[in-house]
N, C-alpha and C. Protein backbone atom coordinates (compact mmCIF):
# COMPACT_ATOMS: atom_id res chain seq x y z
N UNK A 1 83.84 31.54 154.80
CA UNK A 1 83.40 30.34 155.52
C UNK A 1 84.24 29.14 155.08
N UNK A 2 84.82 28.44 156.03
CA UNK A 2 85.62 27.27 155.72
C UNK A 2 84.74 26.03 155.62
N UNK A 3 85.22 25.05 154.88
CA UNK A 3 84.47 23.80 154.72
C UNK A 3 85.39 22.64 155.04
N UNK A 4 84.91 21.72 155.84
CA UNK A 4 85.70 20.56 156.21
C UNK A 4 85.79 19.60 155.02
N UNK A 5 87.00 19.12 154.75
CA UNK A 5 87.21 18.15 153.68
C UNK A 5 87.20 16.76 154.30
N UNK A 6 86.37 15.87 153.81
CA UNK A 6 86.27 14.55 154.44
C UNK A 6 87.54 13.72 154.28
N UNK A 7 87.74 12.83 155.23
CA UNK A 7 88.89 11.90 155.23
C UNK A 7 88.39 10.53 154.80
N UNK A 8 89.04 9.95 153.80
CA UNK A 8 88.68 8.61 153.32
C UNK A 8 89.72 7.62 153.79
N UNK A 9 89.31 6.66 154.57
CA UNK A 9 90.20 5.58 154.97
C UNK A 9 89.85 4.34 154.16
N UNK A 10 90.59 3.27 154.36
CA UNK A 10 90.33 2.04 153.61
C UNK A 10 88.96 1.46 153.93
N UNK A 11 88.38 1.88 155.05
CA UNK A 11 87.05 1.38 155.42
C UNK A 11 85.92 2.26 154.91
N UNK A 12 86.26 3.43 154.36
CA UNK A 12 85.23 4.33 153.83
C UNK A 12 84.64 3.72 152.56
N UNK A 13 83.34 3.85 152.39
CA UNK A 13 82.69 3.15 151.28
C UNK A 13 82.79 3.88 149.96
N UNK A 14 82.68 5.20 149.97
CA UNK A 14 82.67 5.91 148.69
C UNK A 14 83.12 7.34 148.86
N UNK A 15 83.19 8.05 147.75
CA UNK A 15 83.60 9.45 147.74
C UNK A 15 82.41 10.37 147.99
N UNK A 16 82.68 11.57 148.50
CA UNK A 16 81.59 12.54 148.62
C UNK A 16 81.11 13.00 147.25
N UNK A 17 79.96 13.61 147.21
CA UNK A 17 79.41 14.12 145.95
C UNK A 17 80.37 15.13 145.33
N UNK A 18 80.50 15.08 144.00
CA UNK A 18 81.44 15.96 143.31
C UNK A 18 81.12 17.44 143.54
N UNK A 19 79.87 17.75 143.78
CA UNK A 19 79.47 19.15 143.98
C UNK A 19 80.06 19.74 145.24
N UNK A 20 80.59 18.89 146.14
CA UNK A 20 81.17 19.40 147.39
C UNK A 20 82.65 19.73 147.25
N UNK A 21 83.24 19.51 146.07
CA UNK A 21 84.65 19.84 145.86
C UNK A 21 84.87 21.34 146.02
N UNK A 22 86.03 21.70 146.52
CA UNK A 22 86.35 23.10 146.75
C UNK A 22 86.52 23.86 145.43
N UNK A 23 86.24 25.16 145.49
CA UNK A 23 86.55 26.05 144.38
C UNK A 23 88.02 26.44 144.43
N UNK A 24 88.55 26.58 145.64
CA UNK A 24 89.96 26.93 145.83
C UNK A 24 90.51 26.17 147.02
N UNK A 25 91.51 25.29 146.86
CA UNK A 25 92.08 24.91 145.56
C UNK A 25 91.08 24.16 144.70
N UNK A 26 91.12 24.44 143.43
CA UNK A 26 90.09 23.98 142.51
C UNK A 26 89.98 22.46 142.46
N UNK A 27 88.84 21.96 142.95
CA UNK A 27 88.53 20.55 142.79
C UNK A 27 88.91 19.64 143.93
N UNK A 28 89.53 20.16 145.00
CA UNK A 28 89.89 19.29 146.12
C UNK A 28 88.63 18.73 146.75
N UNK A 29 88.52 17.42 146.75
CA UNK A 29 87.30 16.75 147.18
C UNK A 29 87.45 16.01 148.50
N UNK A 30 88.60 15.36 148.70
CA UNK A 30 88.78 14.54 149.89
C UNK A 30 90.26 14.29 150.15
N UNK A 31 90.56 13.98 151.40
CA UNK A 31 91.88 13.48 151.79
C UNK A 31 91.74 12.00 152.10
N UNK A 32 92.88 11.30 152.22
CA UNK A 32 92.78 9.90 152.58
C UNK A 32 94.12 9.24 152.80
N UNK A 33 94.05 7.96 153.15
CA UNK A 33 95.27 7.17 153.33
C UNK A 33 95.21 5.88 152.50
N UNK A 34 94.19 5.77 151.63
CA UNK A 34 93.97 4.56 150.86
C UNK A 34 94.29 4.83 149.39
N UNK A 35 95.40 4.26 148.92
CA UNK A 35 95.78 4.38 147.51
C UNK A 35 95.83 2.99 146.88
N UNK A 36 94.93 2.13 147.31
CA UNK A 36 94.87 0.78 146.77
C UNK A 36 94.28 0.82 145.36
N UNK A 37 94.61 -0.16 144.51
CA UNK A 37 94.02 -0.20 143.17
C UNK A 37 92.49 -0.12 143.16
N UNK A 38 91.77 -0.84 144.04
CA UNK A 38 90.30 -0.69 144.00
C UNK A 38 89.84 0.73 144.28
N UNK A 39 90.50 1.41 145.22
CA UNK A 39 90.12 2.80 145.52
C UNK A 39 90.41 3.70 144.33
N UNK A 40 91.55 3.51 143.67
CA UNK A 40 91.89 4.35 142.53
C UNK A 40 90.89 4.15 141.39
N UNK A 41 90.54 2.90 141.10
CA UNK A 41 89.57 2.64 140.03
C UNK A 41 88.20 3.18 140.40
N UNK A 42 87.81 3.05 141.66
CA UNK A 42 86.55 3.65 142.10
C UNK A 42 86.55 5.15 141.81
N UNK A 43 87.69 5.80 142.06
CA UNK A 43 87.81 7.23 141.81
C UNK A 43 87.63 7.55 140.33
N UNK A 44 88.38 6.84 139.47
CA UNK A 44 88.30 7.14 138.04
C UNK A 44 86.92 6.85 137.47
N UNK A 45 86.24 5.88 138.03
CA UNK A 45 84.86 5.61 137.61
C UNK A 45 84.00 6.86 137.76
N UNK A 46 84.33 7.68 138.77
CA UNK A 46 83.56 8.89 139.08
C UNK A 46 84.18 10.15 138.50
N UNK A 47 85.29 10.02 137.78
CA UNK A 47 85.96 11.19 137.24
C UNK A 47 86.82 11.90 138.26
N UNK A 48 87.32 11.17 139.25
CA UNK A 48 88.16 11.71 140.32
C UNK A 48 89.56 11.13 140.14
N UNK A 49 90.59 11.90 140.52
CA UNK A 49 91.95 11.38 140.42
C UNK A 49 92.78 11.82 141.63
N UNK A 50 93.82 11.04 142.00
CA UNK A 50 94.71 11.42 143.11
C UNK A 50 95.85 12.30 142.63
N UNK A 51 96.27 13.22 143.50
CA UNK A 51 97.37 14.12 143.16
C UNK A 51 97.89 14.72 144.46
N UNK A 52 99.12 14.41 144.81
CA UNK A 52 99.68 14.89 146.07
C UNK A 52 101.20 14.80 146.00
N UNK A 53 101.86 15.38 146.98
CA UNK A 53 103.32 15.39 147.02
C UNK A 53 103.82 14.58 148.20
N UNK A 54 105.13 14.35 148.22
CA UNK A 54 105.75 13.63 149.34
C UNK A 54 105.41 14.30 150.65
N UNK A 55 105.09 13.50 151.67
CA UNK A 55 104.80 14.03 152.99
C UNK A 55 103.37 14.49 153.18
N UNK A 56 102.56 14.43 152.12
CA UNK A 56 101.15 14.83 152.21
C UNK A 56 100.25 13.59 152.21
N UNK A 57 99.04 13.72 152.77
CA UNK A 57 98.08 12.63 152.62
C UNK A 57 97.65 12.53 151.16
N UNK A 58 97.04 11.42 150.79
CA UNK A 58 96.48 11.30 149.45
C UNK A 58 95.38 12.36 149.29
N UNK A 59 95.45 13.12 148.22
CA UNK A 59 94.42 14.11 147.92
C UNK A 59 93.67 13.69 146.66
N UNK A 60 92.35 13.81 146.72
CA UNK A 60 91.50 13.40 145.61
C UNK A 60 90.84 14.63 145.00
N UNK A 61 90.82 14.70 143.67
CA UNK A 61 90.44 15.91 142.96
C UNK A 61 89.37 15.68 141.90
N UNK A 62 88.51 16.68 141.75
CA UNK A 62 87.54 16.74 140.65
C UNK A 62 87.42 18.20 140.23
N UNK A 63 88.38 18.70 139.45
CA UNK A 63 88.40 20.13 139.13
C UNK A 63 87.25 20.54 138.21
N UNK A 64 86.87 21.79 138.34
CA UNK A 64 85.83 22.38 137.50
C UNK A 64 86.29 23.80 137.13
N UNK A 65 86.69 24.06 135.88
CA UNK A 65 86.50 23.23 134.69
C UNK A 65 87.50 22.09 134.61
N UNK A 66 87.23 21.20 133.65
CA UNK A 66 88.06 20.01 133.42
C UNK A 66 88.70 20.11 132.04
N UNK A 67 89.95 19.68 131.94
CA UNK A 67 90.66 19.72 130.67
C UNK A 67 90.44 18.43 129.89
N UNK A 68 90.00 18.56 128.65
CA UNK A 68 89.78 17.39 127.79
C UNK A 68 90.27 17.69 126.38
N UNK A 69 90.57 16.65 125.66
CA UNK A 69 90.79 16.76 124.21
C UNK A 69 89.65 16.03 123.52
N UNK A 70 88.88 16.77 122.73
CA UNK A 70 87.94 16.13 121.82
C UNK A 70 88.77 15.59 120.66
N UNK A 71 88.80 14.28 120.51
CA UNK A 71 89.74 13.65 119.57
C UNK A 71 89.59 14.19 118.16
N UNK A 72 88.38 14.52 117.75
CA UNK A 72 88.17 15.06 116.40
C UNK A 72 88.81 16.43 116.24
N UNK A 73 89.14 17.09 117.35
CA UNK A 73 89.70 18.44 117.29
C UNK A 73 91.18 18.47 117.71
N UNK A 74 91.82 17.31 117.75
CA UNK A 74 93.25 17.26 118.06
C UNK A 74 94.03 18.06 117.03
N UNK A 75 94.93 18.92 117.51
CA UNK A 75 95.70 19.78 116.61
C UNK A 75 97.06 19.15 116.27
N UNK A 76 97.31 19.02 114.98
CA UNK A 76 98.61 18.52 114.51
C UNK A 76 99.21 19.61 113.63
N UNK A 77 100.25 20.28 114.15
CA UNK A 77 100.84 21.37 113.37
C UNK A 77 101.71 20.83 112.23
N UNK A 78 102.25 21.74 111.41
CA UNK A 78 103.00 21.32 110.23
C UNK A 78 104.23 20.50 110.59
N UNK A 79 104.92 20.93 111.65
CA UNK A 79 106.13 20.20 112.05
C UNK A 79 105.79 18.78 112.49
N UNK A 80 104.77 18.66 113.32
CA UNK A 80 104.37 17.33 113.79
C UNK A 80 103.87 16.48 112.64
N UNK A 81 103.15 17.09 111.73
CA UNK A 81 102.66 16.34 110.56
C UNK A 81 103.83 15.75 109.77
N UNK A 82 104.90 16.53 109.61
CA UNK A 82 106.08 16.04 108.90
C UNK A 82 106.75 14.89 109.65
N UNK A 83 106.83 15.03 110.97
CA UNK A 83 107.43 13.97 111.80
C UNK A 83 106.65 12.67 111.64
N UNK A 84 105.34 12.78 111.67
CA UNK A 84 104.49 11.59 111.53
C UNK A 84 104.63 10.98 110.14
N UNK A 85 104.69 11.82 109.13
CA UNK A 85 104.79 11.34 107.76
C UNK A 85 106.13 10.64 107.51
N UNK A 86 107.20 11.16 108.13
CA UNK A 86 108.52 10.56 107.95
C UNK A 86 108.70 9.29 108.77
N UNK A 87 107.77 9.03 109.68
CA UNK A 87 107.87 7.88 110.58
C UNK A 87 109.21 7.89 111.32
N UNK A 88 109.51 9.05 111.88
CA UNK A 88 110.76 9.25 112.63
C UNK A 88 110.86 8.29 113.81
N UNK A 89 109.70 7.98 114.41
CA UNK A 89 109.67 7.17 115.62
C UNK A 89 108.89 5.87 115.39
N UNK A 90 109.18 4.89 116.23
CA UNK A 90 108.38 3.67 116.32
C UNK A 90 107.55 3.78 117.59
N UNK A 91 106.28 3.40 117.51
CA UNK A 91 105.37 3.59 118.65
C UNK A 91 104.75 2.25 119.05
N UNK A 92 104.74 1.98 120.34
CA UNK A 92 104.19 0.73 120.85
C UNK A 92 103.18 1.00 121.97
N UNK A 93 102.43 -0.03 122.28
CA UNK A 93 101.42 0.02 123.34
C UNK A 93 101.77 -0.99 124.42
N UNK A 94 101.86 -0.52 125.65
CA UNK A 94 102.04 -1.40 126.82
C UNK A 94 103.25 -2.32 126.73
N UNK A 95 104.29 -1.86 126.07
CA UNK A 95 105.51 -2.65 125.97
C UNK A 95 106.48 -2.36 127.12
N UNK A 96 106.38 -1.15 127.71
CA UNK A 96 107.37 -0.78 128.71
C UNK A 96 106.76 0.21 129.72
N UNK A 97 105.67 -0.21 130.36
CA UNK A 97 104.96 0.68 131.29
C UNK A 97 105.86 1.16 132.41
N UNK A 98 106.64 0.25 132.99
CA UNK A 98 107.49 0.61 134.12
C UNK A 98 108.47 1.73 133.75
N UNK A 99 109.10 1.60 132.60
CA UNK A 99 110.03 2.64 132.16
C UNK A 99 109.31 3.97 131.94
N UNK A 100 108.14 3.91 131.33
CA UNK A 100 107.41 5.14 131.03
C UNK A 100 107.04 5.89 132.30
N UNK A 101 106.45 5.20 133.27
CA UNK A 101 106.01 5.91 134.47
C UNK A 101 107.20 6.43 135.27
N UNK A 102 108.30 5.68 135.27
CA UNK A 102 109.49 6.16 135.99
C UNK A 102 110.12 7.35 135.30
N UNK A 103 110.10 7.38 133.97
CA UNK A 103 110.61 8.54 133.25
C UNK A 103 109.68 9.74 133.38
N UNK A 104 108.37 9.49 133.46
CA UNK A 104 107.43 10.59 133.72
C UNK A 104 107.69 11.21 135.09
N UNK A 105 108.02 10.37 136.06
CA UNK A 105 108.29 10.86 137.41
C UNK A 105 109.57 11.68 137.49
N UNK A 106 110.49 11.40 136.59
CA UNK A 106 111.79 12.06 136.62
C UNK A 106 112.13 12.59 135.23
N UNK A 107 111.14 13.26 134.61
CA UNK A 107 111.31 13.72 133.24
C UNK A 107 112.41 14.77 133.14
N UNK A 108 113.23 14.71 132.09
CA UNK A 108 114.34 15.66 131.94
C UNK A 108 113.91 17.12 131.95
N UNK A 109 112.69 17.40 131.45
CA UNK A 109 112.23 18.79 131.37
C UNK A 109 111.58 19.29 132.65
N UNK A 110 111.35 18.40 133.62
CA UNK A 110 110.59 18.78 134.81
C UNK A 110 111.43 19.66 135.73
N UNK A 111 110.89 20.83 136.07
CA UNK A 111 111.60 21.74 136.97
C UNK A 111 110.97 21.75 138.36
N UNK A 112 109.67 21.46 138.42
CA UNK A 112 109.00 21.43 139.71
C UNK A 112 109.12 20.04 140.33
N UNK A 113 108.81 19.96 141.62
CA UNK A 113 108.86 18.68 142.31
C UNK A 113 107.82 17.73 141.73
N UNK A 114 108.20 16.48 141.53
CA UNK A 114 107.26 15.53 140.94
C UNK A 114 106.16 15.16 141.91
N UNK A 115 104.96 14.94 141.35
CA UNK A 115 103.84 14.43 142.15
C UNK A 115 103.72 12.91 141.98
N UNK A 116 104.53 12.33 141.10
CA UNK A 116 104.50 10.88 140.91
C UNK A 116 105.46 10.29 141.94
N UNK A 117 105.03 10.31 143.18
CA UNK A 117 105.86 9.89 144.30
C UNK A 117 105.80 8.37 144.44
N UNK A 118 106.61 7.84 145.33
CA UNK A 118 106.76 6.39 145.45
C UNK A 118 105.44 5.63 145.59
N UNK A 119 104.50 6.08 146.47
CA UNK A 119 103.23 5.34 146.57
C UNK A 119 102.45 5.34 145.26
N UNK A 120 102.55 6.43 144.49
CA UNK A 120 101.86 6.48 143.20
C UNK A 120 102.51 5.51 142.21
N UNK A 121 103.83 5.47 142.19
CA UNK A 121 104.52 4.52 141.32
C UNK A 121 104.09 3.09 141.62
N UNK A 122 104.08 2.75 142.88
CA UNK A 122 103.71 1.39 143.29
C UNK A 122 102.28 1.07 142.89
N UNK A 123 101.36 2.01 143.16
CA UNK A 123 99.94 1.78 142.89
C UNK A 123 99.67 1.62 141.40
N UNK A 124 100.27 2.48 140.58
CA UNK A 124 99.97 2.44 139.15
C UNK A 124 100.65 1.27 138.46
N UNK A 125 101.79 0.84 138.98
CA UNK A 125 102.40 -0.38 138.44
C UNK A 125 101.50 -1.59 138.71
N UNK A 126 100.88 -1.63 139.89
CA UNK A 126 99.93 -2.70 140.20
C UNK A 126 98.73 -2.63 139.26
N UNK A 127 98.25 -1.41 139.01
CA UNK A 127 97.11 -1.25 138.10
C UNK A 127 97.46 -1.71 136.69
N UNK A 128 98.69 -1.48 136.27
CA UNK A 128 99.11 -1.97 134.96
C UNK A 128 99.11 -3.49 134.93
N UNK A 129 99.61 -4.10 135.98
CA UNK A 129 99.62 -5.57 136.05
C UNK A 129 98.20 -6.13 136.00
N UNK A 130 97.24 -5.36 136.50
CA UNK A 130 95.84 -5.78 136.50
C UNK A 130 95.11 -5.40 135.21
N UNK A 131 95.82 -4.76 134.28
CA UNK A 131 95.22 -4.42 133.00
C UNK A 131 94.39 -3.15 133.00
N UNK A 132 94.66 -2.25 133.96
CA UNK A 132 93.85 -1.03 134.05
C UNK A 132 94.65 0.25 133.81
N UNK A 133 95.96 0.18 133.88
CA UNK A 133 96.82 1.32 133.56
C UNK A 133 97.62 0.96 132.31
N UNK A 134 97.78 1.92 131.41
CA UNK A 134 98.35 1.63 130.10
C UNK A 134 99.34 2.70 129.69
N UNK A 135 100.25 2.30 128.81
CA UNK A 135 101.28 3.23 128.35
C UNK A 135 101.41 3.20 126.83
N UNK A 136 101.77 4.35 126.30
CA UNK A 136 102.19 4.47 124.90
C UNK A 136 103.68 4.79 124.92
N UNK A 137 104.47 4.04 124.17
CA UNK A 137 105.92 4.24 124.14
C UNK A 137 106.36 4.72 122.77
N UNK A 138 107.28 5.68 122.75
CA UNK A 138 107.83 6.21 121.50
C UNK A 138 109.33 5.91 121.49
N UNK A 139 109.76 5.22 120.45
CA UNK A 139 111.14 4.74 120.38
C UNK A 139 111.87 5.37 119.20
N UNK A 140 113.17 5.56 119.37
CA UNK A 140 114.04 5.97 118.28
C UNK A 140 115.33 5.16 118.38
N UNK A 141 115.58 4.36 117.37
CA UNK A 141 116.77 3.48 117.39
C UNK A 141 116.81 2.64 118.66
N UNK A 142 115.68 2.08 119.01
CA UNK A 142 115.53 1.18 120.17
C UNK A 142 115.71 1.89 121.52
N UNK A 143 115.77 3.21 121.50
CA UNK A 143 115.81 3.97 122.76
C UNK A 143 114.44 4.56 123.03
N UNK A 144 113.97 4.45 124.27
CA UNK A 144 112.69 5.03 124.65
C UNK A 144 112.87 6.54 124.80
N UNK A 145 112.24 7.31 123.92
CA UNK A 145 112.47 8.77 123.90
C UNK A 145 111.21 9.58 124.21
N UNK A 146 110.10 8.91 124.44
CA UNK A 146 108.87 9.62 124.78
C UNK A 146 107.78 8.64 125.14
N UNK A 147 106.74 9.16 125.76
CA UNK A 147 105.62 8.29 126.10
C UNK A 147 104.64 8.96 127.03
N UNK A 148 103.59 8.24 127.32
CA UNK A 148 102.56 8.70 128.25
C UNK A 148 101.93 7.49 128.90
N UNK A 149 101.21 7.72 130.01
CA UNK A 149 100.46 6.64 130.64
C UNK A 149 99.17 7.20 131.23
N UNK A 150 98.24 6.31 131.49
CA UNK A 150 96.97 6.72 132.08
C UNK A 150 96.14 5.52 132.47
N UNK A 151 94.93 5.80 132.91
CA UNK A 151 93.99 4.78 133.37
C UNK A 151 92.83 4.68 132.39
N UNK A 152 92.42 3.44 132.09
CA UNK A 152 91.26 3.23 131.22
C UNK A 152 90.14 2.55 132.01
N UNK A 153 88.95 3.10 131.89
CA UNK A 153 87.74 2.46 132.40
C UNK A 153 86.83 2.29 131.19
N UNK A 154 86.81 1.07 130.64
CA UNK A 154 86.15 0.82 129.36
C UNK A 154 86.75 1.76 128.32
N UNK A 155 85.93 2.57 127.64
CA UNK A 155 86.45 3.47 126.63
C UNK A 155 86.93 4.81 127.16
N UNK A 156 86.76 5.04 128.43
CA UNK A 156 87.21 6.30 129.04
C UNK A 156 88.68 6.19 129.41
N UNK A 157 89.50 7.12 128.88
CA UNK A 157 90.93 7.14 129.18
C UNK A 157 91.29 8.46 129.82
N UNK A 158 91.90 8.38 131.00
CA UNK A 158 92.35 9.56 131.72
C UNK A 158 93.87 9.59 131.70
N UNK A 159 94.44 10.54 130.98
CA UNK A 159 95.88 10.65 130.89
C UNK A 159 96.48 11.19 132.17
N UNK A 160 97.55 10.56 132.62
CA UNK A 160 98.19 10.96 133.87
C UNK A 160 99.42 11.82 133.65
N UNK A 161 100.33 11.39 132.82
CA UNK A 161 101.56 12.15 132.60
C UNK A 161 102.23 11.68 131.32
N UNK A 162 103.18 12.49 130.86
CA UNK A 162 103.96 12.14 129.67
C UNK A 162 105.38 12.66 129.82
N UNK A 163 106.26 12.20 128.95
CA UNK A 163 107.64 12.68 128.97
C UNK A 163 108.18 12.64 127.55
N UNK A 164 109.28 13.36 127.35
CA UNK A 164 109.98 13.28 126.08
C UNK A 164 111.47 13.50 126.30
N UNK A 165 112.27 12.85 125.47
CA UNK A 165 113.70 13.08 125.41
C UNK A 165 114.10 13.66 124.05
N UNK A 166 113.22 13.50 123.07
CA UNK A 166 113.43 14.04 121.74
C UNK A 166 112.24 14.93 121.38
N UNK A 167 112.49 16.00 120.64
CA UNK A 167 111.42 16.91 120.24
C UNK A 167 110.29 16.14 119.56
N UNK A 168 109.08 16.50 119.94
CA UNK A 168 107.84 15.95 119.35
C UNK A 168 107.50 14.55 119.81
N UNK A 169 108.34 13.90 120.60
CA UNK A 169 108.08 12.50 120.97
C UNK A 169 106.80 12.37 121.81
N UNK A 170 106.57 13.28 122.75
CA UNK A 170 105.35 13.17 123.55
C UNK A 170 104.11 13.52 122.72
N UNK A 171 104.29 14.43 121.75
CA UNK A 171 103.17 14.76 120.86
C UNK A 171 102.80 13.54 120.01
N UNK A 172 103.81 12.83 119.55
CA UNK A 172 103.56 11.61 118.77
C UNK A 172 102.79 10.59 119.61
N UNK A 173 103.18 10.44 120.87
CA UNK A 173 102.47 9.51 121.76
C UNK A 173 101.00 9.88 121.88
N UNK A 174 100.72 11.18 121.99
CA UNK A 174 99.33 11.64 122.11
C UNK A 174 98.54 11.38 120.84
N UNK A 175 99.16 11.61 119.70
CA UNK A 175 98.48 11.35 118.42
C UNK A 175 98.14 9.87 118.29
N UNK A 176 99.07 9.00 118.62
CA UNK A 176 98.81 7.56 118.51
C UNK A 176 97.74 7.11 119.51
N UNK A 177 97.74 7.68 120.71
CA UNK A 177 96.68 7.36 121.67
C UNK A 177 95.33 7.78 121.11
N UNK A 178 95.26 8.98 120.56
CA UNK A 178 94.00 9.47 120.00
C UNK A 178 93.50 8.55 118.88
N UNK A 179 94.40 8.12 118.01
CA UNK A 179 94.00 7.23 116.91
C UNK A 179 93.55 5.87 117.45
N UNK A 180 94.23 5.39 118.48
CA UNK A 180 93.84 4.12 119.08
C UNK A 180 92.43 4.19 119.63
N UNK A 181 92.14 5.26 120.37
CA UNK A 181 90.80 5.41 120.96
C UNK A 181 89.74 5.67 119.90
N UNK A 182 90.11 6.43 118.89
CA UNK A 182 89.16 6.71 117.80
C UNK A 182 88.75 5.44 117.09
N UNK A 183 89.64 4.44 117.07
CA UNK A 183 89.34 3.18 116.38
C UNK A 183 88.18 2.44 117.01
N UNK A 184 87.85 2.76 118.27
CA UNK A 184 86.67 2.15 118.92
C UNK A 184 85.59 3.20 119.18
N UNK A 185 85.71 4.33 118.47
CA UNK A 185 84.70 5.39 118.48
C UNK A 185 84.64 6.17 119.80
N UNK A 186 85.75 6.18 120.54
CA UNK A 186 85.86 7.05 121.72
C UNK A 186 86.12 8.47 121.23
N UNK A 187 85.48 9.45 121.86
CA UNK A 187 85.53 10.81 121.36
C UNK A 187 86.39 11.76 122.18
N UNK A 188 86.84 11.34 123.38
CA UNK A 188 87.62 12.28 124.19
C UNK A 188 88.76 11.59 124.92
N UNK A 189 89.75 12.40 125.28
CA UNK A 189 90.81 12.02 126.21
C UNK A 189 90.71 12.98 127.39
N UNK A 190 90.62 12.44 128.59
CA UNK A 190 90.61 13.27 129.80
C UNK A 190 92.04 13.68 130.11
N UNK A 191 92.28 14.99 130.14
CA UNK A 191 93.62 15.51 130.43
C UNK A 191 93.71 16.11 131.83
N UNK A 192 92.60 16.09 132.55
CA UNK A 192 92.54 16.53 133.95
C UNK A 192 92.74 18.03 134.11
N UNK A 193 93.98 18.53 133.93
CA UNK A 193 94.29 19.94 134.15
C UNK A 193 94.97 20.53 132.90
N UNK A 194 94.53 21.70 132.50
CA UNK A 194 95.07 22.33 131.29
C UNK A 194 96.47 22.89 131.54
N UNK A 195 97.35 22.75 130.55
CA UNK A 195 98.65 23.42 130.56
C UNK A 195 98.95 23.87 129.13
N UNK A 196 99.98 24.71 128.93
CA UNK A 196 100.24 25.24 127.59
C UNK A 196 100.51 24.16 126.54
N UNK A 197 101.22 23.10 126.93
CA UNK A 197 101.49 22.02 125.97
C UNK A 197 100.19 21.40 125.49
N UNK A 198 99.31 21.04 126.43
CA UNK A 198 98.05 20.41 126.04
C UNK A 198 97.18 21.37 125.22
N UNK A 199 97.18 22.65 125.59
CA UNK A 199 96.41 23.63 124.82
C UNK A 199 96.89 23.68 123.38
N UNK A 200 98.20 23.55 123.17
CA UNK A 200 98.74 23.57 121.80
C UNK A 200 98.29 22.38 120.98
N UNK A 201 97.86 21.31 121.68
CA UNK A 201 97.38 20.10 121.00
C UNK A 201 95.86 20.08 120.86
N UNK A 202 95.21 21.16 121.27
CA UNK A 202 93.76 21.24 121.11
C UNK A 202 92.97 20.98 122.36
N UNK A 203 93.64 20.88 123.49
CA UNK A 203 92.95 20.65 124.75
C UNK A 203 92.14 21.88 125.13
N UNK A 204 90.93 21.66 125.62
CA UNK A 204 90.05 22.74 126.05
C UNK A 204 89.54 22.44 127.46
N UNK A 205 88.88 23.41 128.04
CA UNK A 205 88.25 23.21 129.34
C UNK A 205 86.74 23.19 129.18
N UNK A 206 86.11 22.25 129.87
CA UNK A 206 84.64 22.18 129.92
C UNK A 206 84.23 22.13 131.38
N UNK A 207 82.99 22.48 131.65
CA UNK A 207 82.56 22.42 133.05
C UNK A 207 82.36 20.98 133.49
N UNK A 208 82.27 20.78 134.79
CA UNK A 208 82.20 19.43 135.35
C UNK A 208 81.01 18.66 134.79
N UNK A 209 79.88 19.31 134.65
CA UNK A 209 78.68 18.63 134.15
C UNK A 209 78.90 18.11 132.73
N UNK A 210 79.50 18.93 131.87
CA UNK A 210 79.80 18.50 130.50
C UNK A 210 80.79 17.34 130.50
N UNK A 211 81.81 17.45 131.34
CA UNK A 211 82.82 16.38 131.40
C UNK A 211 82.19 15.06 131.82
N UNK A 212 81.39 15.08 132.88
CA UNK A 212 80.79 13.83 133.37
C UNK A 212 79.89 13.22 132.30
N UNK A 213 79.15 14.04 131.56
CA UNK A 213 78.30 13.51 130.49
C UNK A 213 79.14 12.81 129.42
N UNK A 214 80.26 13.43 129.04
CA UNK A 214 81.14 12.81 128.03
C UNK A 214 81.84 11.58 128.58
N UNK A 215 82.20 11.63 129.86
CA UNK A 215 82.85 10.48 130.48
C UNK A 215 81.90 9.29 130.53
N UNK A 216 80.65 9.54 130.89
CA UNK A 216 79.66 8.46 130.95
C UNK A 216 79.48 7.81 129.59
N UNK A 217 79.47 8.62 128.54
CA UNK A 217 79.33 8.08 127.18
C UNK A 217 80.53 7.20 126.84
N UNK A 218 81.73 7.66 127.19
CA UNK A 218 82.94 6.88 126.90
C UNK A 218 82.93 5.55 127.65
N UNK A 219 82.44 5.56 128.88
CA UNK A 219 82.42 4.33 129.69
C UNK A 219 81.48 3.28 129.14
N UNK A 220 80.52 3.67 128.31
CA UNK A 220 79.61 2.68 127.73
C UNK A 220 80.26 1.91 126.60
N UNK A 221 81.40 2.39 126.10
CA UNK A 221 82.10 1.72 125.00
C UNK A 221 83.01 0.63 125.58
N UNK A 222 82.76 -0.60 125.19
CA UNK A 222 83.55 -1.73 125.68
C UNK A 222 84.56 -2.12 124.62
N UNK A 223 85.85 -1.93 124.90
CA UNK A 223 86.88 -2.29 123.90
C UNK A 223 86.93 -3.80 123.67
N UNK A 224 87.43 -4.24 122.52
CA UNK A 224 87.65 -5.67 122.30
C UNK A 224 88.58 -6.24 123.36
N UNK A 225 88.49 -7.54 123.58
CA UNK A 225 89.26 -8.18 124.66
C UNK A 225 90.76 -7.98 124.50
N UNK A 226 91.23 -7.88 123.25
CA UNK A 226 92.68 -7.75 123.01
C UNK A 226 93.11 -6.30 122.77
N UNK A 227 92.24 -5.35 123.06
CA UNK A 227 92.49 -3.96 122.69
C UNK A 227 93.77 -3.40 123.31
N UNK A 228 94.03 -3.72 124.58
CA UNK A 228 95.19 -3.18 125.29
C UNK A 228 96.38 -4.14 125.29
N UNK A 229 96.36 -5.15 124.45
CA UNK A 229 97.48 -6.08 124.40
C UNK A 229 98.74 -5.37 123.88
N UNK A 230 99.91 -5.69 124.47
CA UNK A 230 101.16 -5.07 124.00
C UNK A 230 101.37 -5.33 122.51
N UNK A 231 101.69 -4.27 121.77
CA UNK A 231 101.88 -4.42 120.32
C UNK A 231 102.46 -3.15 119.72
N UNK A 232 102.89 -3.29 118.48
CA UNK A 232 103.32 -2.15 117.68
C UNK A 232 102.07 -1.42 117.20
N UNK A 233 102.11 -0.09 117.25
CA UNK A 233 100.98 0.73 116.79
C UNK A 233 101.34 1.38 115.46
N UNK A 234 100.35 1.51 114.59
CA UNK A 234 100.52 2.21 113.33
C UNK A 234 99.35 3.19 113.15
N UNK A 235 99.56 4.17 112.31
CA UNK A 235 98.49 5.12 111.99
C UNK A 235 97.76 4.64 110.73
N UNK A 236 96.48 4.97 110.63
CA UNK A 236 95.73 4.55 109.43
C UNK A 236 96.23 5.24 108.17
């Protein structure tokens, strides 16, 4: 039996119930033509995210199971521990969002077609200007060699993508993000979809109900006013 997927236009008021998302493809909830910052933030408030390719309508997703990192269970292997101890890299917050998202879209290791297409670049750059999209930058000798970006709704952070030019640089970005969030008692990072890299860092899958419960708890945490201000990051 087929199921019709609703179309969301700029005049549509809200998303359909998460329980109506498809099982295959996993989590497809709605199509649309509205990728405005208010629509994107409305989505993340509900644990929904956009993901589509060039030539396709905007697709909105709520996969079940959901990939998350419980920050207390982040895995740091011996090699990464040595890299962190040696302070091989310098790490900053929100110093170079534009560079990070553009490098994520065209990452040197990427073999498949990017989903960070032009409308996504435009939308997330606007969200950064509005203080809702954030980046972690990893530098080596003043060269940007790794990083990640995502969306924050209060204490809830949904990671979108990462890149690296030097070994361990994206792992370092993830460790610093985890420490940053832990400093305000946030317990999870939303990773959306599991992959081998994230699994190696301790990412697990939970069902949608568990994810939404953890997401709601994270959203109750209100960061300090200067929490996302551009700055140098250090580990405790």
